Amino acid sequence: MAQLFSVNSRYVYMKQVLIIVFAILLLGACKKSDESVDFGYEYFGLTEGRFVSYDVMEISHDGNSDTVKYILKTVVGENIIDNEGRTAKKLYRYAYDSQTEELIDERVWTSIIDQGRGEVVEENQRKIRMVFAVTIDKIWDVNAFNPEEEQEVYYESIDEPYSINGFSLESTARVEYEDYVTLIDYDRKYEVYAKNIGLVHRSFKNLEISNFDTTDIQNGWETHYTLRDYGVE
């Protein structure tokens, strides 16, 4: 009996040791796996002091095309508690005259990464501009938290090089909004984000056209943001 008891004790002890070793290996593997996941937060560019400036062109087509051009500079500011009680970042926006570079407008928005969403509160409208991790299968509603109509978007490409206005960017993600043409309508909207910068290009067109001709514009509007400069202040 003593010998049997000793064998059982050794068996129980070895079993416990194996369980502990397995648990340690499993935790190590999970930690390594978590560390190896690239969520793509760098695409959203929320480092305090980071600035991005754009050449902006807004076109209104209402019989006579009216074009407005200006320089827009955005700067990620300090922390702020938003209206949801979350710690967000102030997003300073400065508009300058394209010719004189005189300041013509300044506003403060807020931006945050929370629960896998990259959000911007724009003129009191909360919009989901990105979701994380940045993967090709993601689809989401930009307007899920505001009264505007549903707008489903998706990543058309990720981790791709992109050239714009003399800049060669190594890793970008493209968010597709709309690419829609009918006999009388042309809606083309997309955004491009670059790692460690943020938004680098926005091209939104909502146009009424004639006979499928996207150059024969009858009415509508366009907004285009083109990267001009970026860095950290």
C-alpha atoms as a PDB file:
ATOM      1  CA  MET A   1       0.000   0.000   0.000  1.00  0.00           C
ATOM      2  CA  ALA A   2       2.844   2.386   0.857  1.00  0.00           C
ATOM      3  CA  GLN A   3       4.416   1.762  -2.530  1.00  0.00           C
ATOM      4  CA  LEU A   4       1.097   2.342  -4.324  1.00  0.00           C
ATOM      5  CA  PHE A   5       0.551   5.572  -2.398  1.00  0.00           C
ATOM      6  CA  SER A   6       4.038   6.765  -3.369  1.00  0.00           C
ATOM      7  CA  VAL A   7       3.410   6.035  -7.068  1.00  0.00           C
ATOM      8  CA  ASN A   8       0.071   7.884  -7.000  1.00  0.00           C
ATOM      9  CA  SER A   9       1.659  10.855  -5.252  1.00  0.00           C
ATOM     10  CA  ARG A  10       4.390  11.075  -7.903  1.00  0.00           C
ATOM     11  CA  TYR A  11       1.733  10.831 -10.628  1.00  0.00           C
ATOM     12  CA  VAL A  12      -0.323  13.648  -9.107  1.00  0.00           C
ATOM     13  CA  TYR A  13       2.807  15.761  -8.651  1.00  0.00           C
ATOM     14  CA  MET A  14       3.947  15.265 -12.242  1.00  0.00           C
ATOM     15  CA  LYS A  15       0.450  16.047 -13.508  1.00  0.00           C
ATOM     16  CA  GLN A  16       0.414  19.322 -11.573  1.00  0.00           C
ATOM     17  CA  VAL A  17       3.859  20.239 -12.899  1.00  0.00           C
ATOM     18  CA  LEU A  18       2.752  19.556 -16.482  1.00  0.00           C
ATOM     19  CA  ILE A  19      -0.377  21.684 -16.012  1.00  0.00           C
ATOM     20  CA  ILE A  20       1.695  24.600 -14.670  1.00  0.00           C
ATOM     21  CA  VAL A  21       4.237  24.322 -17.500  1.00  0.00           C
ATOM     22  CA  PHE A  22       1.441  24.186 -20.101  1.00  0.00           C
ATOM     23  CA  ALA A  23      -0.238  27.247 -18.579  1.00  0.00           C
ATOM     24  CA  ILE A  24       3.040  29.195 -18.637  1.00  0.00           C
ATOM     25  CA  LEU A  25       3.660  28.260 -22.272  1.00  0.00           C
ATOM     26  CA  LEU A  26       0.092  29.193 -23.210  1.00  0.00           C
ATOM     27  CA  LEU A  27       0.326  32.590 -21.517  1.00  0.00           C
ATOM     28  CA  GLY A  28       3.651  33.235 -23.216  1.00  0.00           C
ATOM     29  CA  ALA A  29       2.217  32.309 -26.597  1.00  0.00           C
ATOM     30  CA  CYS A  30      -0.820  34.557 -26.083  1.00  0.00           C
ATOM     31  CA  LYS A  31       1.372  37.460 -25.021  1.00  0.00           C
ATOM     32  CA  LYS A  32       3.634  36.981 -28.032  1.00  0.00           C
ATOM     33  CA  SER A  33       0.593  36.754 -30.310  1.00  0.00           C
ATOM     34  CA  ASP A  34      -0.911  39.968 -28.889  1.00  0.00           C
ATOM     35  CA  GLU A  35       2.392  41.792 -29.279  1.00  0.00           C
ATOM     36  CA  SER A  36       2.718  40.692 -32.904  1.00  0.00           C
ATOM     37  CA  VAL A  37      -0.699  42.059 -33.937  1.00  0.00           C
ATOM     38  CA  ASP A  38      -0.444  45.358 -35.796  1.00  0.00           C
ATOM     39  CA  PHE A  39      -3.700  47.154 -35.035  1.00  0.00           C
ATOM     40  CA  GLY A  40      -2.750  50.059 -37.293  1.00  0.00           C
ATOM     41  CA  TYR A  41      -3.363  52.811 -34.732  1.00  0.00           C
ATOM     42  CA  GLU A  42      -0.498  54.758 -36.343  1.00  0.00           C
ATOM     43  CA  TYR A  43      -2.743  55.400 -39.346  1.00  0.00           C
ATOM     44  CA  PHE A  44      -4.915  57.682 -37.214  1.00  0.00           C
ATOM     45  CA  GLY A  45      -2.034  59.978 -36.221  1.00  0.00           C
ATOM     46  CA  LEU A  46      -3.014  60.986 -32.670  1.00  0.00           C
ATOM     47  CA  THR A  47       0.445  61.849 -31.333  1.00  0.00           C
ATOM     48  CA  GLU A  48       0.233  65.153 -29.459  1.00  0.00           C
ATOM     49  CA  GLY A  49       1.890  67.927 -31.446  1.00  0.00           C
ATOM     50  CA  ARG A  50       1.573  66.142 -34.782  1.00  0.00           C
ATOM     51  CA  PHE A  51       0.446  68.458 -37.565  1.00  0.00           C
ATOM     52  CA  VAL A  52      -0.748  67.847 -41.100  1.00  0.00           C
ATOM     53  CA  SER A  53      -1.483  70.579 -43.606  1.00  0.00           C
ATOM     54  CA  TYR A  54      -3.488  70.295 -46.808  1.00  0.00           C
ATOM     55  CA  ASP A  55      -4.267  72.178 -49.980  1.00  0.00           C
ATOM     56  CA  VAL A  56      -8.068  72.193 -49.909  1.00  0.00           C
ATOM     57  CA  MET A  57     -10.354  72.795 -52.875  1.00  0.00           C
ATOM     58  CA  GLU A  58     -14.133  73.048 -52.524  1.00  0.00           C
ATOM     59  CA  ILE A  59     -16.243  73.290 -55.673  1.00  0.00           C
ATOM     60  CA  SER A  60     -19.952  74.074 -55.822  1.00  0.00           C
ATOM     61  CA  HIS A  61     -21.692  73.245 -59.110  1.00  0.00           C
ATOM     62  CA  ASP A  62     -24.972  75.117 -59.405  1.00  0.00           C
ATOM     63  CA  GLY A  63     -25.023  76.291 -62.984  1.00  0.00           C
ATOM     64  CA  ASN A  64     -21.850  78.293 -62.479  1.00  0.00           C
ATOM     65  CA  SER A  65     -18.983  76.499 -60.756  1.00  0.00           C
ATOM     66  CA  ASP A  66     -17.722  78.289 -57.666  1.00  0.00           C
ATOM     67  CA  THR A  67     -14.290  77.168 -56.451  1.00  0.00           C
ATOM     68  CA  VAL A  68     -12.804  77.989 -53.049  1.00  0.00           C
ATOM     69  CA  LYS A  69      -9.162  77.164 -52.281  1.00  0.00           C
ATOM     70  CA  TYR A  70      -7.394  77.430 -48.948  1.00  0.00           C
ATOM     71  CA  ILE A  71      -4.698  75.843 -46.799  1.00  0.00           C
ATOM     72  CA  LEU A  72      -5.864  73.768 -43.838  1.00  0.00           C
ATOM     73  CA  LYS A  73      -3.536  72.869 -40.979  1.00  0.00           C
ATOM     74  CA  THR A  74      -4.600  70.357 -38.315  1.00  0.00           C
ATOM     75  CA  VAL A  75      -2.697  69.940 -35.048  1.00  0.00           C
ATOM     76  CA  VAL A  76      -3.258  67.222 -32.432  1.00  0.00           C
ATOM     77  CA  GLY A  77      -3.563  68.979 -29.090  1.00  0.00           C
ATOM     78  CA  GLU A  78      -3.832  68.128 -25.429  1.00  0.00           C
ATOM     79  CA  ASN A  79      -6.191  65.721 -23.696  1.00  0.00           C
ATOM     80  CA  ILE A  80      -9.800  66.679 -23.090  1.00  0.00           C
ATOM     81  CA  ILE A  81     -12.770  64.880 -21.530  1.00  0.00           C
ATOM     82  CA  ASP A  82     -15.380  64.557 -24.264  1.00  0.00           C
ATOM     83  CA  ASN A  83     -19.166  64.541 -23.872  1.00  0.00           C
ATOM     84  CA  GLU A  84     -19.076  60.759 -23.430  1.00  0.00           C
ATOM     85  CA  GLY A  85     -16.738  61.109 -20.438  1.00  0.00           C
ATOM     86  CA  ARG A  86     -13.751  59.712 -22.362  1.00  0.00           C
ATOM     87  CA  THR A  87     -10.221  61.100 -22.593  1.00  0.00           C
ATOM     88  CA  ALA A  88      -9.914  62.395 -26.149  1.00  0.00           C
ATOM     89  CA  LYS A  89      -7.517  64.719 -27.954  1.00  0.00           C
ATOM     90  CA  LYS A  90      -8.232  68.255 -29.070  1.00  0.00           C
ATOM     91  CA  LEU A  91      -7.847  68.630 -32.822  1.00  0.00           C
ATOM     92  CA  TYR A  92      -6.996  72.202 -33.779  1.00  0.00           C
ATOM     93  CA  ARG A  93      -7.914  73.290 -37.320  1.00  0.00           C
ATOM     94  CA  TYR A  94      -6.502  76.461 -38.881  1.00  0.00           C
ATOM     95  CA  ALA A  95      -7.595  77.676 -42.327  1.00  0.00           C
ATOM     96  CA  TYR A  96      -5.336  80.080 -44.237  1.00  0.00           C
ATOM     97  CA  ASP A  97      -5.816  82.076 -47.425  1.00  0.00           C
ATOM     98  CA  SER A  98      -4.034  80.242 -50.246  1.00  0.00           C
ATOM     99  CA  GLN A  99      -2.508  83.438 -51.636  1.00  0.00           C
ATOM    100  CA  THR A 100      -1.609  85.487 -48.558  1.00  0.00           C
ATOM    101  CA  GLU A 101      -1.505  82.631 -45.995  1.00  0.00           C
ATOM    102  CA  GLU A 102      -3.476  84.901 -43.663  1.00  0.00           C
ATOM    103  CA  LEU A 103      -5.475  83.048 -40.999  1.00  0.00           C
ATOM    104  CA  ILE A 104      -9.152  83.123 -42.006  1.00  0.00           C
ATOM    105  CA  ASP A 105     -10.735  80.577 -39.657  1.00  0.00           C
ATOM    106  CA  GLU A 106      -9.877  78.403 -36.653  1.00  0.00           C
ATOM    107  CA  ARG A 107     -11.847  75.677 -34.912  1.00  0.00           C
ATOM    108  CA  VAL A 108     -11.397  72.905 -32.378  1.00  0.00           C
ATOM    109  CA  TRP A 109     -12.673  69.392 -32.970  1.00  0.00           C
ATOM    110  CA  THR A 110     -11.920  66.302 -30.887  1.00  0.00           C
ATOM    111  CA  SER A 111     -10.543  62.916 -31.835  1.00  0.00           C
ATOM    112  CA  ILE A 112     -10.146  59.585 -30.058  1.00  0.00           C
ATOM    113  CA  ILE A 113      -9.346  55.907 -30.494  1.00  0.00           C
ATOM    114  CA  ASP A 114     -11.824  53.960 -28.366  1.00  0.00           C
ATOM    115  CA  GLN A 115     -13.116  50.372 -28.478  1.00  0.00           C
ATOM    116  CA  GLY A 116     -11.516  49.744 -31.838  1.00  0.00           C
ATOM    117  CA  ARG A 117     -12.859  52.936 -33.426  1.00  0.00           C
ATOM    118  CA  GLY A 118     -11.059  56.042 -34.656  1.00  0.00           C
ATOM    119  CA  GLU A 119     -13.583  58.817 -34.045  1.00  0.00           C
ATOM    120  CA  VAL A 120     -13.642  62.518 -34.867  1.00  0.00           C
ATOM    121  CA  VAL A 121     -16.284  64.915 -33.553  1.00  0.00           C
ATOM    122  CA  GLU A 122     -16.730  67.348 -36.449  1.00  0.00           C
ATOM    123  CA  GLU A 123     -18.973  70.339 -35.792  1.00  0.00           C
ATOM    124  CA  ASN A 124     -20.709  68.327 -33.030  1.00  0.00           C
ATOM    125  CA  GLN A 125     -21.197  65.316 -35.325  1.00  0.00           C
ATOM    126  CA  ARG A 126     -19.398  62.161 -34.139  1.00  0.00           C
ATOM    127  CA  LYS A 127     -17.985  60.182 -37.070  1.00  0.00           C
ATOM    128  CA  ILE A 128     -16.125  56.866 -37.189  1.00  0.00           C
ATOM    129  CA  ARG A 129     -13.346  57.534 -39.683  1.00  0.00           C
ATOM    130  CA  MET A 130     -11.405  54.301 -39.079  1.00  0.00           C
ATOM    131  CA  VAL A 131     -11.771  50.990 -37.241  1.00  0.00           C
ATOM    132  CA  PHE A 132      -9.046  48.731 -35.832  1.00  0.00           C
ATOM    133  CA  ALA A 133      -7.335  46.439 -36.451  1.00  0.00           C
ATOM    134  CA  VAL A 134      -6.935  47.762 -39.986  1.00  0.00           C
ATOM    135  CA  THR A 135      -7.802  44.722 -42.094  1.00  0.00           C
ATOM    136  CA  ILE A 136      -9.228  44.335 -45.566  1.00  0.00           C
ATOM    137  CA  ASP A 137     -12.462  42.697 -44.348  1.00  0.00           C
ATOM    138  CA  LYS A 138     -13.636  45.595 -42.145  1.00  0.00           C
ATOM    139  CA  ILE A 139     -16.973  47.303 -42.951  1.00  0.00           C
ATOM    140  CA  TRP A 140     -18.539  49.984 -40.754  1.00  0.00           C
ATOM    141  CA  ASP A 141     -21.035  52.852 -40.651  1.00  0.00           C
ATOM    142  CA  VAL A 142     -19.318  56.239 -40.476  1.00  0.00           C
ATOM    143  CA  ASN A 143     -22.506  57.814 -39.104  1.00  0.00           C
ATOM    144  CA  ALA A 144     -23.412  55.197 -36.494  1.00  0.00           C
ATOM    145  CA  PHE A 145     -23.289  57.851 -33.727  1.00  0.00           C
ATOM    146  CA  ASN A 146     -24.877  60.836 -35.451  1.00  0.00           C
ATOM    147  CA  PRO A 147     -28.247  61.638 -37.091  1.00  0.00           C
ATOM    148  CA  GLU A 148     -26.947  61.523 -40.663  1.00  0.00           C
ATOM    149  CA  GLU A 149     -28.032  58.668 -42.903  1.00  0.00           C
ATOM    150  CA  GLU A 150     -26.126  55.392 -42.823  1.00  0.00           C
ATOM    151  CA  GLN A 151     -22.834  55.441 -44.713  1.00  0.00           C
ATOM    152  CA  GLU A 152     -21.111  52.057 -44.924  1.00  0.00           C
ATOM    153  CA  VAL A 153     -17.420  52.164 -45.812  1.00  0.00           C
ATOM    154  CA  TYR A 154     -14.591  49.651 -46.019  1.00  0.00           C
ATOM    155  CA  TYR A 155     -10.834  49.327 -46.460  1.00  0.00           C
ATOM    156  CA  GLU A 156     -10.148  49.016 -50.173  1.00  0.00           C
ATOM    157  CA  SER A 157      -6.391  48.607 -49.623  1.00  0.00           C
ATOM    158  CA  ILE A 158      -3.991  48.499 -46.664  1.00  0.00           C
ATOM    159  CA  ASP A 159      -0.230  48.811 -46.177  1.00  0.00           C
ATOM    160  CA  GLU A 160       0.214  50.083 -49.727  1.00  0.00           C
ATOM    161  CA  PRO A 161       2.686  52.736 -50.981  1.00  0.00           C
ATOM    162  CA  TYR A 162       1.114  55.975 -52.166  1.00  0.00           C
ATOM    163  CA  SER A 163       2.440  59.065 -53.920  1.00  0.00           C
ATOM    164  CA  ILE A 164       0.803  62.460 -53.532  1.00  0.00           C
ATOM    165  CA  ASN A 165       1.983  65.999 -54.204  1.00  0.00           C
ATOM    166  CA  GLY A 166       5.653  64.978 -54.266  1.00  0.00           C
ATOM    167  CA  PHE A 167       5.458  62.779 -51.155  1.00  0.00           C
ATOM    168  CA  SER A 168       6.202  59.055 -51.440  1.00  0.00           C
ATOM    169  CA  LEU A 169       4.476  57.332 -48.523  1.00  0.00           C
ATOM    170  CA  GLU A 170       5.463  53.758 -47.691  1.00  0.00           C
ATOM    171  CA  SER A 171       2.324  52.497 -45.957  1.00  0.00           C
ATOM    172  CA  THR A 172      -1.206  53.764 -46.502  1.00  0.00           C
ATOM    173  CA  ALA A 173      -4.771  52.546 -46.061  1.00  0.00           C
ATOM    174  CA  ARG A 174      -7.597  53.574 -48.383  1.00  0.00           C
ATOM    175  CA  VAL A 175     -11.150  53.926 -47.064  1.00  0.00           C
ATOM    176  CA  GLU A 176     -13.776  53.587 -49.791  1.00  0.00           C
ATOM    177  CA  TYR A 177     -17.015  55.536 -49.286  1.00  0.00           C
ATOM    178  CA  GLU A 178     -18.736  55.488 -52.671  1.00  0.00           C
ATOM    179  CA  ASP A 179     -18.035  54.716 -56.308  1.00  0.00           C
ATOM    180  CA  TYR A 180     -21.417  55.034 -57.961  1.00  0.00           C
ATOM    181  CA  VAL A 181     -22.401  56.074 -61.483  1.00  0.00           C
ATOM    182  CA  THR A 182     -25.846  56.167 -63.106  1.00  0.00           C
ATOM    183  CA  LEU A 183     -27.335  58.032 -66.050  1.00  0.00           C
ATOM    184  CA  ILE A 184     -27.662  61.183 -63.931  1.00  0.00           C
ATOM    185  CA  ASP A 185     -25.602  60.646 -60.744  1.00  0.00           C
ATOM    186  CA  TYR A 186     -21.921  60.354 -59.934  1.00  0.00           C
ATOM    187  CA  ASP A 187     -20.826  59.802 -56.331  1.00  0.00           C
ATOM    188  CA  ARG A 188     -17.119  59.164 -55.797  1.00  0.00           C
ATOM    189  CA  LYS A 189     -15.707  59.370 -52.273  1.00  0.00           C
ATOM    190  CA  TYR A 190     -12.591  57.984 -50.628  1.00  0.00           C
ATOM    191  CA  GLU A 191      -9.926  58.814 -48.043  1.00  0.00           C
ATOM    192  CA  VAL A 192      -6.282  57.775 -47.736  1.00  0.00           C
ATOM    193  CA  TYR A 193      -4.473  57.501 -44.395  1.00  0.00           C
ATOM    194  CA  ALA A 194      -0.696  57.115 -43.949  1.00  0.00           C
ATOM    195  CA  LYS A 195       1.072  55.514 -41.002  1.00  0.00           C
ATOM    196  CA  ASN A 196       2.502  58.029 -38.510  1.00  0.00           C
ATOM    197  CA  ILE A 197       0.745  60.893 -40.312  1.00  0.00           C
ATOM    198  CA  GLY A 198      -3.026  60.398 -40.466  1.00  0.00           C
ATOM    199  CA  LEU A 199      -5.297  61.586 -43.264  1.00  0.00           C
ATOM    200  CA  VAL A 200      -3.279  62.535 -46.364  1.00  0.00           C
ATOM    201  CA  HIS A 201      -5.934  62.658 -49.085  1.00  0.00           C
ATOM    202  CA  ARG A 202      -9.685  63.105 -49.221  1.00  0.00           C
ATOM    203  CA  SER A 203     -11.680  63.236 -52.443  1.00  0.00           C
ATOM    204  CA  PHE A 204     -15.463  63.563 -52.136  1.00  0.00           C
ATOM    205  CA  LYS A 205     -17.714  64.144 -55.142  1.00  0.00           C
ATOM    206  CA  ASN A 206     -21.511  64.236 -55.097  1.00  0.00           C
ATOM    207  CA  LEU A 207     -22.594  65.245 -58.591  1.00  0.00           C
ATOM    208  CA  GLU A 208     -25.525  65.327 -60.961  1.00  0.00           C
ATOM    209  CA  ILE A 209     -24.355  64.503 -64.475  1.00  0.00           C
ATOM    210  CA  SER A 210     -25.789  64.025 -67.948  1.00  0.00           C
ATOM    211  CA  ASN A 211     -25.979  60.735 -69.841  1.00  0.00           C
ATOM    212  CA  PHE A 212     -23.307  58.856 -67.812  1.00  0.00           C
ATOM    213  CA  ASP A 213     -20.753  61.565 -68.609  1.00  0.00           C
ATOM    214  CA  THR A 214     -18.892  62.306 -65.350  1.00  0.00           C
ATOM    215  CA  THR A 215     -17.348  65.405 -66.902  1.00  0.00           C
ATOM    216  CA  ASP A 216     -20.721  66.901 -67.886  1.00  0.00           C
ATOM    217  CA  ILE A 217     -21.643  68.201 -64.434  1.00  0.00           C
ATOM    218  CA  GLN A 218     -25.072  69.746 -63.955  1.00  0.00           C
ATOM    219  CA  ASN A 219     -25.103  70.250 -60.190  1.00  0.00           C
ATOM    220  CA  GLY A 220     -23.506  69.084 -56.949  1.00  0.00           C
ATOM    221  CA  TRP A 221     -20.320  69.624 -54.945  1.00  0.00           C
ATOM    222  CA  GLU A 222     -16.738  68.432 -54.512  1.00  0.00           C
ATOM    223  CA  THR A 223     -14.235  68.567 -51.656  1.00  0.00           C
ATOM    224  CA  HIS A 224     -10.580  67.621 -52.055  1.00  0.00           C
ATOM    225  CA  TYR A 225      -7.812  67.513 -49.409  1.00  0.00           C
ATOM    226  CA  THR A 226      -4.253  67.042 -50.723  1.00  0.00           C
ATOM    227  CA  LEU A 227      -1.275  66.587 -48.394  1.00  0.00           C
ATOM    228  CA  ARG A 228       0.900  69.689 -48.261  1.00  0.00           C
ATOM    229  CA  ASP A 229       3.177  69.126 -45.247  1.00  0.00           C
ATOM    230  CA  TYR A 230       3.389  67.154 -42.007  1.00  0.00           C
ATOM    231  CA  GLY A 231       5.535  66.795 -38.907  1.00  0.00           C
ATOM    232  CA  VAL A 232       5.596  67.291 -35.142  1.00  0.00           C
ATOM    233  CA  GLU A 233       5.657  70.689 -33.429  1.00  0.00           C
END
